[in-house]
Protein backbone atom coordinates (compact mmCIF):
# COMPACT_ATOMS: atom_id res chain seq x y z
CA UNK A 1 112.65 310.72 -50.06
CA UNK A 2 116.42 311.01 -50.19
CA UNK A 3 116.26 314.24 -48.16
CA UNK A 4 114.19 312.49 -45.50
CA UNK A 5 116.66 309.59 -45.28
CA UNK A 6 119.61 311.98 -45.06
CA UNK A 7 117.85 313.94 -42.34
CA UNK A 8 117.09 310.76 -40.35
CA UNK A 9 120.71 309.63 -40.74
CA UNK A 10 121.98 313.07 -39.67
CA UNK A 11 119.82 313.08 -36.51
CA UNK A 12 120.80 309.50 -35.71
CA UNK A 13 124.53 310.26 -36.01
CA UNK A 14 124.14 313.48 -34.06
CA UNK A 15 122.44 311.65 -31.17
CA UNK A 16 124.96 308.81 -31.17
CA UNK A 17 128.02 311.08 -31.33
CA UNK A 18 126.67 313.58 -28.81
CA UNK A 19 125.89 310.98 -26.19
CA UNK A 20 128.56 308.48 -27.26
CA UNK A 21 125.87 305.85 -26.94
CA UNK A 22 125.38 303.52 -29.87
CA UNK A 23 122.57 301.61 -28.12
CA UNK A 24 120.58 304.76 -28.92
CA UNK A 25 121.13 303.90 -32.58
CA UNK A 26 119.07 300.74 -32.13
CA UNK A 27 116.37 302.63 -30.28
CA UNK A 28 116.30 305.25 -33.03
CA UNK A 29 116.09 302.49 -35.65
CA UNK A 30 113.19 300.77 -33.88
CA UNK A 31 111.33 304.05 -33.32
CA UNK A 32 111.67 304.96 -36.99
CA UNK A 33 110.30 301.56 -38.02
CA UNK A 34 107.31 301.98 -35.69
CA UNK A 35 106.58 305.37 -37.26
CA UNK A 36 106.89 303.89 -40.76
CA UNK A 37 104.48 301.07 -39.86
CA UNK A 38 101.96 303.57 -38.52
CA UNK A 39 102.19 305.61 -41.71
CA UNK A 40 102.03 302.50 -43.88
CA UNK A 41 98.76 301.38 -42.29
CA UNK A 42 97.24 304.72 -43.27
CA UNK A 43 98.14 304.39 -46.97
CA UNK A 44 97.83 300.60 -47.33
CA UNK A 45 94.08 300.70 -47.98
CA UNK A 46 94.28 303.05 -50.96
CA UNK A 47 97.64 302.69 -52.69
CA UNK A 48 98.21 299.86 -55.15
CA UNK A 49 101.86 300.94 -55.52
CA UNK A 50 102.24 300.44 -51.76
CA UNK A 51 100.76 296.95 -52.20
CA UNK A 52 103.46 296.19 -54.76
CA UNK A 53 106.19 297.69 -52.55
CA UNK A 54 105.14 295.40 -49.71
CA UNK A 55 104.68 292.33 -51.90
CA UNK A 56 107.47 290.43 -50.04
CA UNK A 57 105.53 290.95 -46.80
CA UNK A 58 102.32 289.69 -48.43
CA UNK A 59 104.09 286.62 -49.78
CA UNK A 60 105.65 285.80 -46.38
CA UNK A 61 102.29 286.41 -44.65
CA UNK A 62 100.29 284.16 -46.95
CA UNK A 63 102.96 281.45 -47.06
CA UNK A 64 102.91 281.32 -43.25
CA UNK A 65 99.14 280.66 -43.42
CA UNK A 66 99.68 278.06 -46.15
CA UNK A 67 102.43 276.28 -44.20
CA UNK A 68 100.41 276.05 -40.98
CA UNK A 69 97.32 275.02 -42.92
CA UNK A 70 99.22 272.11 -44.46
CA UNK A 71 100.87 271.12 -41.15
CA UNK A 72 97.58 271.21 -39.19
CA UNK A 73 95.55 269.48 -41.93
CA UNK A 74 93.59 272.63 -42.75
CA UNK A 75 93.50 271.49 -46.39
CA UNK A 76 94.39 274.64 -48.32
CA UNK A 77 92.42 274.84 -51.55
CA UNK A 78 93.24 278.28 -52.97
CA UNK A 79 96.04 280.82 -52.63
CA UNK A 80 96.55 284.27 -54.09
CA UNK A 81 99.80 286.18 -53.56
CA UNK A 82 99.18 289.09 -55.95
CA UNK A 83 97.34 292.20 -54.70
CA UNK A 84 94.01 292.98 -56.38
CA UNK A 85 92.08 296.24 -56.50
CA UNK A 86 88.42 295.89 -55.58
CA UNK A 87 85.64 298.41 -55.04
CA UNK A 88 86.18 298.04 -51.27
CA UNK A 89 89.94 298.62 -51.39
CA UNK A 90 92.91 296.37 -52.02
CA UNK A 91 93.06 292.65 -51.25
CA UNK A 92 96.72 291.90 -50.65
CA UNK A 93 96.46 288.12 -50.79
CA UNK A 94 94.70 285.17 -49.22
CA UNK A 95 94.77 281.46 -48.50
CA UNK A 96 91.52 279.51 -48.41
CA UNK A 97 91.38 276.27 -46.48
CA UNK A 98 88.54 273.76 -46.45
CA UNK A 99 89.15 272.16 -43.04
CA UNK A 100 89.49 274.94 -40.47
CA UNK A 101 88.23 273.76 -37.11
CA UNK A 102 88.59 274.39 -33.38
CA UNK A 103 91.95 272.57 -33.30
CA UNK A 104 93.74 274.42 -36.08
CA UNK A 105 91.99 277.77 -36.54
CA UNK A 106 94.20 279.71 -34.09
CA UNK A 107 97.39 278.22 -35.49
CA UNK A 108 96.41 279.01 -39.08
CA UNK A 109 94.97 282.45 -38.33
CA UNK A 110 97.88 283.60 -36.17
CA UNK A 111 100.63 281.97 -38.25
CA UNK A 112 102.07 285.32 -39.42
CA UNK A 113 103.10 286.15 -35.85
CA UNK A 114 106.17 283.96 -36.42
CA UNK A 115 107.33 286.63 -38.88
CA UNK A 116 107.41 289.18 -36.06
CA UNK A 117 109.75 286.88 -34.16
CA UNK A 118 111.96 286.46 -37.23
CA UNK A 119 111.98 290.23 -37.72
CA UNK A 120 113.18 290.81 -34.16
CA UNK A 121 115.88 288.13 -34.57
CA UNK A 122 117.04 289.81 -37.79
CA UNK A 123 116.96 293.21 -36.14
CA UNK A 124 119.21 292.25 -33.25
CA UNK A 125 121.36 289.54 -34.79
CA UNK A 126 122.17 290.70 -38.29
CA UNK A 127 122.15 294.49 -38.22
CA UNK A 128 125.66 295.92 -38.37
CA UNK A 129 125.95 299.26 -36.54
CA UNK A 130 128.10 301.11 -39.07
CA UNK A 131 127.00 300.92 -42.69
CA UNK A 132 126.51 303.14 -45.67
CA UNK A 133 123.09 304.59 -46.46
CA UNK A 134 122.19 301.80 -48.91
CA UNK A 135 122.48 299.11 -46.24
CA UNK A 136 120.63 301.21 -43.68
CA UNK A 137 117.72 301.54 -46.12
CA UNK A 138 117.92 297.84 -46.94
CA UNK A 139 117.80 296.98 -43.22
CA UNK A 140 114.78 299.24 -42.76
CA UNK A 141 113.04 297.56 -45.66
CA UNK A 142 113.78 294.00 -44.52
CA UNK A 143 112.66 294.61 -40.95
CA UNK A 144 109.60 296.50 -42.16
CA UNK A 145 108.64 293.58 -44.42
CA UNK A 146 108.88 291.08 -41.53
CA UNK A 147 106.76 293.34 -39.35
CA UNK A 148 104.23 294.14 -42.10
CA UNK A 149 103.94 290.44 -42.92
CA UNK A 150 103.73 289.45 -39.27
CA UNK A 151 100.71 291.50 -38.31
CA UNK A 152 97.53 289.41 -38.48
CA UNK A 153 94.69 290.97 -40.47
CA UNK A 154 91.10 291.29 -39.28
CA UNK A 155 90.26 288.23 -41.36
CA UNK A 156 93.09 286.31 -39.68
CA UNK A 157 91.70 287.18 -36.25
CA UNK A 158 88.18 286.12 -37.31
CA UNK A 159 89.60 282.72 -38.23
CA UNK A 160 91.71 282.43 -35.07
CA UNK A 161 88.75 283.18 -32.81
CA UNK A 162 87.12 279.93 -33.95
CA UNK A 163 89.58 278.28 -31.54
CA UNK A 164 88.45 280.47 -28.66
CA UNK A 165 88.17 277.59 -26.13
CA UNK A 166 91.77 276.55 -26.82
CA UNK A 167 92.95 280.17 -26.81
CA UNK A 168 91.22 280.71 -23.47
CA UNK A 169 92.80 277.57 -21.97
CA UNK A 170 96.20 278.62 -23.36
CA UNK A 171 95.92 282.07 -21.79
CA UNK A 172 94.94 280.55 -18.41
CA UNK A 173 97.81 278.05 -18.57
CA UNK A 174 100.29 280.77 -19.42
CA UNK A 175 99.62 282.37 -16.03
CA UNK A 176 100.03 279.16 -14.07
CA UNK A 177 103.53 278.37 -12.83
CA UNK A 178 104.30 274.68 -12.91
């Protein structure tokens, strides 16, 4: 792993010094994160150690559901933040609510999307261009956790679709200029 990180850092510095363009550093950072997310989706179904590594993302993801469920009167009744192995794979966590309806389903189901916004804010506001390797890895991890936590699951989308009339109206209104 250390060799891979050193290699990524070497290529990044080579590109930035060769072209004297540090905006490329941000592009390189973002591209690397996208590749890591793609790889993580491949191993997330089978690796319990990966589930533990991404526990901060799971906690943020489930707490976003919990928060929106409380705010929209979804009446949360059960929450689990610890990954569990099952015969069908790994369940990372869940929030059960007893009052999901047409008015709050989309908000509760798509609540983790706010984490994507927070991840982008962190990426562009708090990243310092020149750091040692420890802080580069820490930045990767933090941004990756926001992105991992911000991607709605299939179950989240099944819940959100219960608000399909409101989602449809929202999409139509987003194209209308007032």
